[in-house]
Amino acid sequence: MTDSIEKMCNPLDNSINEKLSRIREAFVKNIAEEYAKFYYVSGERGDVKRIRLDKKLVDYFIK
């Protein structure tokens, strides 16, 4: 597990891009692209990543 986390955090490794691509594919497979794009992580390689969903639409539950 530690190795996987280190690979995902390494900017020289492509692991994070591979994982994000799989997540995006899962959303697009189940939801139309016009809606899915608000829920998966997006951003160019090497750039800031973000989720487009408006923060006003997110509820936080703290136990």
PDB file of N, CA and C in Angstrom:
ATOM      1  N   MET A   1       0.825  -1.174   0.000  1.00  0.00           N
ATOM      2  CA  MET A   1       0.000   0.000   0.000  1.00  0.00           C
ATOM      3  C   MET A   1       0.881   1.253   0.000  1.00  0.00           C
ATOM      4  N   THR A   2       1.927   1.238   0.809  1.00  0.00           N
ATOM      5  CA  THR A   2       2.827   2.393   0.869  1.00  0.00           C
ATOM      6  C   THR A   2       3.452   2.663  -0.485  1.00  0.00           C
ATOM      7  N   ASP A   3       3.843   1.600  -1.168  1.00  0.00           N
ATOM      8  CA  ASP A   3       4.452   1.744  -2.496  1.00  0.00           C
ATOM      9  C   ASP A   3       3.473   2.378  -3.483  1.00  0.00           C
ATOM     10  N   SER A   4       2.208   1.948  -3.441  1.00  0.00           N
ATOM     11  CA  SER A   4       1.188   2.512  -4.338  1.00  0.00           C
ATOM     12  C   SER A   4       0.978   4.000  -4.074  1.00  0.00           C
ATOM     13  N   ILE A   5       0.932   4.374  -2.810  1.00  0.00           N
ATOM     14  CA  ILE A   5       0.740   5.788  -2.455  1.00  0.00           C
ATOM     15  C   ILE A   5       1.937   6.613  -2.904  1.00  0.00           C
ATOM     16  N   GLU A   6       3.139   6.089  -2.701  1.00  0.00           N
ATOM     17  CA  GLU A   6       4.340   6.812  -3.133  1.00  0.00           C
ATOM     18  C   GLU A   6       4.361   7.003  -4.645  1.00  0.00           C
ATOM     19  N   LYS A   7       3.951   5.982  -5.394  1.00  0.00           N
ATOM     20  CA  LYS A   7       3.905   6.097  -6.856  1.00  0.00           C
ATOM     21  C   LYS A   7       2.888   7.154  -7.289  1.00  0.00           C
ATOM     22  N   MET A   8       1.729   7.168  -6.623  1.00  0.00           N
ATOM     23  CA  MET A   8       0.691   8.138  -6.989  1.00  0.00           C
ATOM     24  C   MET A   8       1.117   9.564  -6.681  1.00  0.00           C
ATOM     25  N   CYS A   9       1.971   9.743  -5.687  1.00  0.00           N
ATOM     26  CA  CYS A   9       2.407  11.084  -5.292  1.00  0.00           C
ATOM     27  C   CYS A   9       3.668  11.536  -6.019  1.00  0.00           C
ATOM     28  N   ASN A  10       4.291  10.640  -6.749  1.00  0.00           N
ATOM     29  CA  ASN A  10       5.527  10.953  -7.464  1.00  0.00           C
ATOM     30  C   ASN A  10       5.186  11.628  -8.795  1.00  0.00           C
ATOM     31  N   PRO A  11       5.565  12.891  -8.967  1.00  0.00           N
ATOM     32  CA  PRO A  11       5.226  13.599 -10.208  1.00  0.00           C
ATOM     33  C   PRO A  11       5.923  13.030 -11.448  1.00  0.00           C
ATOM     34  N   LEU A  12       6.953  12.219 -11.253  1.00  0.00           N
ATOM     35  CA  LEU A  12       7.666  11.624 -12.386  1.00  0.00           C
ATOM     36  C   LEU A  12       7.079  10.277 -12.792  1.00  0.00           C
ATOM     37  N   ASP A  13       6.159   9.758 -11.984  1.00  0.00           N
ATOM     38  CA  ASP A  13       5.523   8.475 -12.259  1.00  0.00           C
ATOM     39  C   ASP A  13       4.151   8.741 -12.873  1.00  0.00           C
ATOM     40  N   ASN A  14       3.711   7.904 -13.777  1.00  0.00           N
ATOM     41  CA  ASN A  14       2.427   8.082 -14.461  1.00  0.00           C
ATOM     42  C   ASN A  14       1.260   7.445 -13.712  1.00  0.00           C
ATOM     43  N   SER A  15       1.526   6.872 -12.538  1.00  0.00           N
ATOM     44  CA  SER A  15       0.516   6.121 -11.804  1.00  0.00           C
ATOM     45  C   SER A  15      -0.750   6.926 -11.533  1.00  0.00           C
ATOM     46  N   ILE A  16      -0.619   8.152 -11.087  1.00  0.00           N
ATOM     47  CA  ILE A  16      -1.801   8.964 -10.766  1.00  0.00           C
ATOM     48  C   ILE A  16      -2.659   9.196 -12.005  1.00  0.00           C
ATOM     49  N   ASN A  17      -2.020   9.436 -13.148  1.00  0.00           N
ATOM     50  CA  ASN A  17      -2.775   9.656 -14.383  1.00  0.00           C
ATOM     51  C   ASN A  17      -3.520   8.395 -14.811  1.00  0.00           C
ATOM     52  N   GLU A  18      -2.906   7.238 -14.599  1.00  0.00           N
ATOM     53  CA  GLU A  18      -3.562   5.976 -14.931  1.00  0.00           C
ATOM     54  C   GLU A  18      -4.796   5.765 -14.055  1.00  0.00           C
ATOM     55  N   LYS A  19      -4.660   6.042 -12.761  1.00  0.00           N
ATOM     56  CA  LYS A  19      -5.779   5.863 -11.830  1.00  0.00           C
ATOM     57  C   LYS A  19      -6.910   6.838 -12.158  1.00  0.00           C
ATOM     58  N   LEU A  20      -6.566   8.089 -12.405  1.00  0.00           N
ATOM     59  CA  LEU A  20      -7.585   9.091 -12.725  1.00  0.00           C
ATOM     60  C   LEU A  20      -8.301   8.758 -14.026  1.00  0.00           C
ATOM     61  N   SER A  21      -7.579   8.197 -14.975  1.00  0.00           N
ATOM     62  CA  SER A  21      -8.187   7.802 -16.243  1.00  0.00           C
ATOM     63  C   SER A  21      -9.208   6.688 -16.039  1.00  0.00           C
ATOM     64  N   ARG A  22      -8.883   5.721 -15.187  1.00  0.00           N
ATOM     65  CA  ARG A  22      -9.827   4.631 -14.908  1.00  0.00           C
ATOM     66  C   ARG A  22     -11.076   5.145 -14.195  1.00  0.00           C
ATOM     67  N   ILE A  23     -10.882   6.071 -13.263  1.00  0.00           N
ATOM     68  CA  ILE A  23     -12.019   6.650 -12.548  1.00  0.00           C
ATOM     69  C   ILE A  23     -12.919   7.399 -13.528  1.00  0.00           C
ATOM     70  N   ARG A  24     -12.295   8.196 -14.402  1.00  0.00           N
ATOM     71  CA  ARG A  24     -13.057   8.953 -15.404  1.00  0.00           C
ATOM     72  C   ARG A  24     -13.847   8.025 -16.312  1.00  0.00           C
ATOM     73  N   GLU A  25     -13.208   6.953 -16.773  1.00  0.00           N
ATOM     74  CA  GLU A  25     -13.888   5.983 -17.640  1.00  0.00           C
ATOM     75  C   GLU A  25     -15.101   5.372 -16.944  1.00  0.00           C
ATOM     76  N   ALA A  26     -14.988   5.093 -15.652  1.00  0.00           N
ATOM     77  CA  ALA A  26     -16.103   4.505 -14.905  1.00  0.00           C
ATOM     78  C   ALA A  26     -17.279   5.484 -14.837  1.00  0.00           C
ATOM     79  N   PHE A  27     -16.985   6.755 -14.597  1.00  0.00           N
ATOM     80  CA  PHE A  27     -18.063   7.752 -14.566  1.00  0.00           C
ATOM     81  C   PHE A  27     -18.725   7.879 -15.933  1.00  0.00           C
ATOM     82  N   VAL A  28     -17.932   8.022 -16.980  1.00  0.00           N
ATOM     83  CA  VAL A  28     -18.468   8.233 -18.328  1.00  0.00           C
ATOM     84  C   VAL A  28     -19.247   7.009 -18.812  1.00  0.00           C
ATOM     85  N   LYS A  29     -18.835   5.833 -18.383  1.00  0.00           N
ATOM     86  CA  LYS A  29     -19.541   4.610 -18.769  1.00  0.00           C
ATOM     87  C   LYS A  29     -20.952   4.580 -18.187  1.00  0.00           C
ATOM     88  N   ASN A  30     -21.129   5.176 -17.013  1.00  0.00           N
ATOM     89  CA  ASN A  30     -22.403   5.086 -16.307  1.00  0.00           C
ATOM     90  C   ASN A  30     -23.235   6.365 -16.324  1.00  0.00           C
ATOM     91  N   ILE A  31     -22.608   7.482 -16.659  1.00  0.00           N
ATOM     92  CA  ILE A  31     -23.294   8.774 -16.671  1.00  0.00           C
ATOM     93  C   ILE A  31     -22.890   9.499 -17.950  1.00  0.00           C
ATOM     94  N   ALA A  32     -23.815  10.213 -18.559  1.00  0.00           N
ATOM     95  CA  ALA A  32     -23.499  10.982 -19.769  1.00  0.00           C
ATOM     96  C   ALA A  32     -22.351  11.943 -19.474  1.00  0.00           C
ATOM     97  N   GLU A  33     -21.449  12.108 -20.436  1.00  0.00           N
ATOM     98  CA  GLU A  33     -20.265  12.959 -20.277  1.00  0.00           C
ATOM     99  C   GLU A  33     -20.622  14.362 -19.789  1.00  0.00           C
ATOM    100  N   GLU A  34     -21.725  14.909 -20.279  1.00  0.00           N
ATOM    101  CA  GLU A  34     -22.091  16.279 -19.893  1.00  0.00           C
ATOM    102  C   GLU A  34     -22.339  16.404 -18.400  1.00  0.00           C
ATOM    103  N   TYR A  35     -22.713  15.310 -17.720  1.00  0.00           N
ATOM    104  CA  TYR A  35     -22.916  15.322 -16.266  1.00  0.00           C
ATOM    105  C   TYR A  35     -21.704  14.750 -15.530  1.00  0.00           C
ATOM    106  N   ALA A  36     -21.106  13.701 -16.084  1.00  0.00           N
ATOM    107  CA  ALA A  36     -19.975  13.032 -15.442  1.00  0.00           C
ATOM    108  C   ALA A  36     -18.808  13.971 -15.216  1.00  0.00           C
ATOM    109  N   LYS A  37     -18.590  14.922 -16.125  1.00  0.00           N
ATOM    110  CA  LYS A  37     -17.432  15.808 -16.038  1.00  0.00           C
ATOM    111  C   LYS A  37     -17.387  16.625 -14.751  1.00  0.00           C
ATOM    112  N   PHE A  38     -18.505  16.744 -14.061  1.00  0.00           N
ATOM    113  CA  PHE A  38     -18.537  17.494 -12.810  1.00  0.00           C
ATOM    114  C   PHE A  38     -18.082  16.666 -11.614  1.00  0.00           C
ATOM    115  N   TYR A  39     -17.956  15.357 -11.793  1.00  0.00           N
ATOM    116  CA  TYR A  39     -17.686  14.465 -10.666  1.00  0.00           C
ATOM    117  C   TYR A  39     -16.309  13.819 -10.675  1.00  0.00           C
ATOM    118  N   TYR A  40     -15.656  13.707 -11.807  1.00  0.00           N
ATOM    119  CA  TYR A  40     -14.330  13.090 -11.802  1.00  0.00           C
ATOM    120  C   TYR A  40     -13.238  14.159 -11.756  1.00  0.00           C
ATOM    121  N   VAL A  41     -12.054  13.737 -11.378  1.00  0.00           N
ATOM    122  CA  VAL A  41     -10.912  14.640 -11.271  1.00  0.00           C
ATOM    123  C   VAL A  41     -10.429  14.962 -12.676  1.00  0.00           C
ATOM    124  N   SER A  42     -10.212  16.238 -12.955  1.00  0.00           N
ATOM    125  CA  SER A  42      -9.728  16.640 -14.276  1.00  0.00           C
ATOM    126  C   SER A  42      -8.570  17.613 -14.132  1.00  0.00           C
ATOM    127  N   GLY A  43      -7.848  17.787 -15.202  1.00  0.00           N
ATOM    128  CA  GLY A  43      -6.692  18.672 -15.230  1.00  0.00           C
ATOM    129  C   GLY A  43      -5.613  18.070 -16.105  1.00  0.00           C
ATOM    130  N   GLU A  44      -4.876  18.913 -16.785  1.00  0.00           N
ATOM    131  CA  GLU A  44      -3.814  18.446 -17.667  1.00  0.00           C
ATOM    132  C   GLU A  44      -2.681  17.823 -16.860  1.00  0.00           C
ATOM    133  N   ARG A  45      -1.920  16.948 -17.501  1.00  0.00           N
ATOM    134  CA  ARG A  45      -0.765  16.340 -16.832  1.00  0.00           C
ATOM    135  C   ARG A  45       0.184  17.422 -16.348  1.00  0.00           C
ATOM    136  N   GLY A  46       0.575  17.296 -15.100  1.00  0.00           N
ATOM    137  CA  GLY A  46       1.503  18.252 -14.525  1.00  0.00           C
ATOM    138  C   GLY A  46       0.841  19.518 -14.007  1.00  0.00           C
ATOM    139  N   ASP A  47      -0.466  19.682 -14.275  1.00  0.00           N
ATOM    140  CA  ASP A  47      -1.196  20.864 -13.813  1.00  0.00           C
ATOM    141  C   ASP A  47      -2.019  20.533 -12.572  1.00  0.00           C
ATOM    142  N   VAL A  48      -2.648  21.534 -12.046  1.00  0.00           N
ATOM    143  CA  VAL A  48      -3.534  21.369 -10.905  1.00  0.00           C
ATOM    144  C   VAL A  48      -4.707  20.483 -11.299  1.00  0.00           C
ATOM    145  N   LYS A  49      -5.077  19.571 -10.406  1.00  0.00           N
ATOM    146  CA  LYS A  49      -6.230  18.700 -10.622  1.00  0.00           C
ATOM    147  C   LYS A  49      -7.387  19.233  -9.789  1.00  0.00           C
ATOM    148  N   ARG A  50      -8.605  19.044 -10.291  1.00  0.00           N
ATOM    149  CA  ARG A  50      -9.778  19.499  -9.530  1.00  0.00           C
ATOM    150  C   ARG A  50     -11.011  18.723  -9.956  1.00  0.00           C
ATOM    151  N   ILE A  51     -12.020  18.810  -9.116  1.00  0.00           N
ATOM    152  CA  ILE A  51     -13.339  18.263  -9.419  1.00  0.00           C
ATOM    153  C   ILE A  51     -14.231  19.466  -9.662  1.00  0.00           C
ATOM    154  N   ARG A  52     -14.948  19.477 -10.766  1.00  0.00           N
ATOM    155  CA  ARG A  52     -15.712  20.659 -11.201  1.00  0.00           C
ATOM    156  C   ARG A  52     -17.008  20.912 -10.443  1.00  0.00           C
ATOM    157  N   LEU A  53     -17.461  19.968  -9.645  1.00  0.00           N
ATOM    158  CA  LEU A  53     -18.727  20.130  -8.942  1.00  0.00           C
ATOM    159  C   LEU A  53     -18.685  21.373  -8.056  1.00  0.00           C
ATOM    160  N   ASP A  54     -19.717  22.192  -8.142  1.00  0.00           N
ATOM    161  CA  ASP A  54     -19.808  23.407  -7.348  1.00  0.00           C
ATOM    162  C   ASP A  54     -19.798  23.049  -5.863  1.00  0.00           C
ATOM    163  N   LYS A  55     -18.976  23.727  -5.089  1.00  0.00           N
ATOM    164  CA  LYS A  55     -18.849  23.447  -3.652  1.00  0.00           C
ATOM    165  C   LYS A  55     -20.168  23.591  -2.920  1.00  0.00           C
ATOM    166  N   LYS A  56     -21.057  24.408  -3.428  1.00  0.00           N
ATOM    167  CA  LYS A  56     -22.365  24.604  -2.795  1.00  0.00           C
ATOM    168  C   LYS A  56     -23.206  23.319  -2.824  1.00  0.00           C
ATOM    169  N   LEU A  57     -22.873  22.410  -3.735  1.00  0.00           N
ATOM    170  CA  LEU A  57     -23.630  21.176  -3.877  1.00  0.00           C
ATOM    171  C   LEU A  57     -23.076  20.027  -3.044  1.00  0.00           C
ATOM    172  N   VAL A  58     -22.021  20.295  -2.269  1.00  0.00           N
ATOM    173  CA  VAL A  58     -21.379  19.261  -1.464  1.00  0.00           C
ATOM    174  C   VAL A  58     -21.780  19.416  -0.005  1.00  0.00           C
ATOM    175  N   ASP A  59     -22.245  18.314   0.581  1.00  0.00           N
ATOM    176  CA  ASP A  59     -22.553  18.283   2.011  1.00  0.00           C
ATOM    177  C   ASP A  59     -21.442  17.502   2.718  1.00  0.00           C
ATOM    178  N   TYR A  60     -20.999  18.015   3.837  1.00  0.00           N
ATOM    179  CA  TYR A  60     -19.976  17.357   4.635  1.00  0.00           C
ATOM    180  C   TYR A  60     -20.615  16.786   5.887  1.00  0.00           C
ATOM    181  N   PHE A  61     -20.378  15.535   6.128  1.00  0.00           N
ATOM    182  CA  PHE A  61     -20.882  14.888   7.330  1.00  0.00           C
ATOM    183  C   PHE A  61     -19.694  14.492   8.184  1.00  0.00           C
ATOM    184  N   ILE A  62     -19.626  15.027   9.368  1.00  0.00           N
ATOM    185  CA  ILE A  62     -18.534  14.706  10.279  1.00  0.00           C
ATOM    186  C   ILE A  62     -19.110  13.943  11.458  1.00  0.00           C
ATOM    187  N   LYS A  63     -18.544  12.775  11.708  1.00  0.00           N
ATOM    188  CA  LYS A  63     -19.012  11.961  12.836  1.00  0.00           C
ATOM    189  C   LYS A  63     -18.214  12.242  14.062  1.00  0.00           C
TER     190      LYS A  63
END
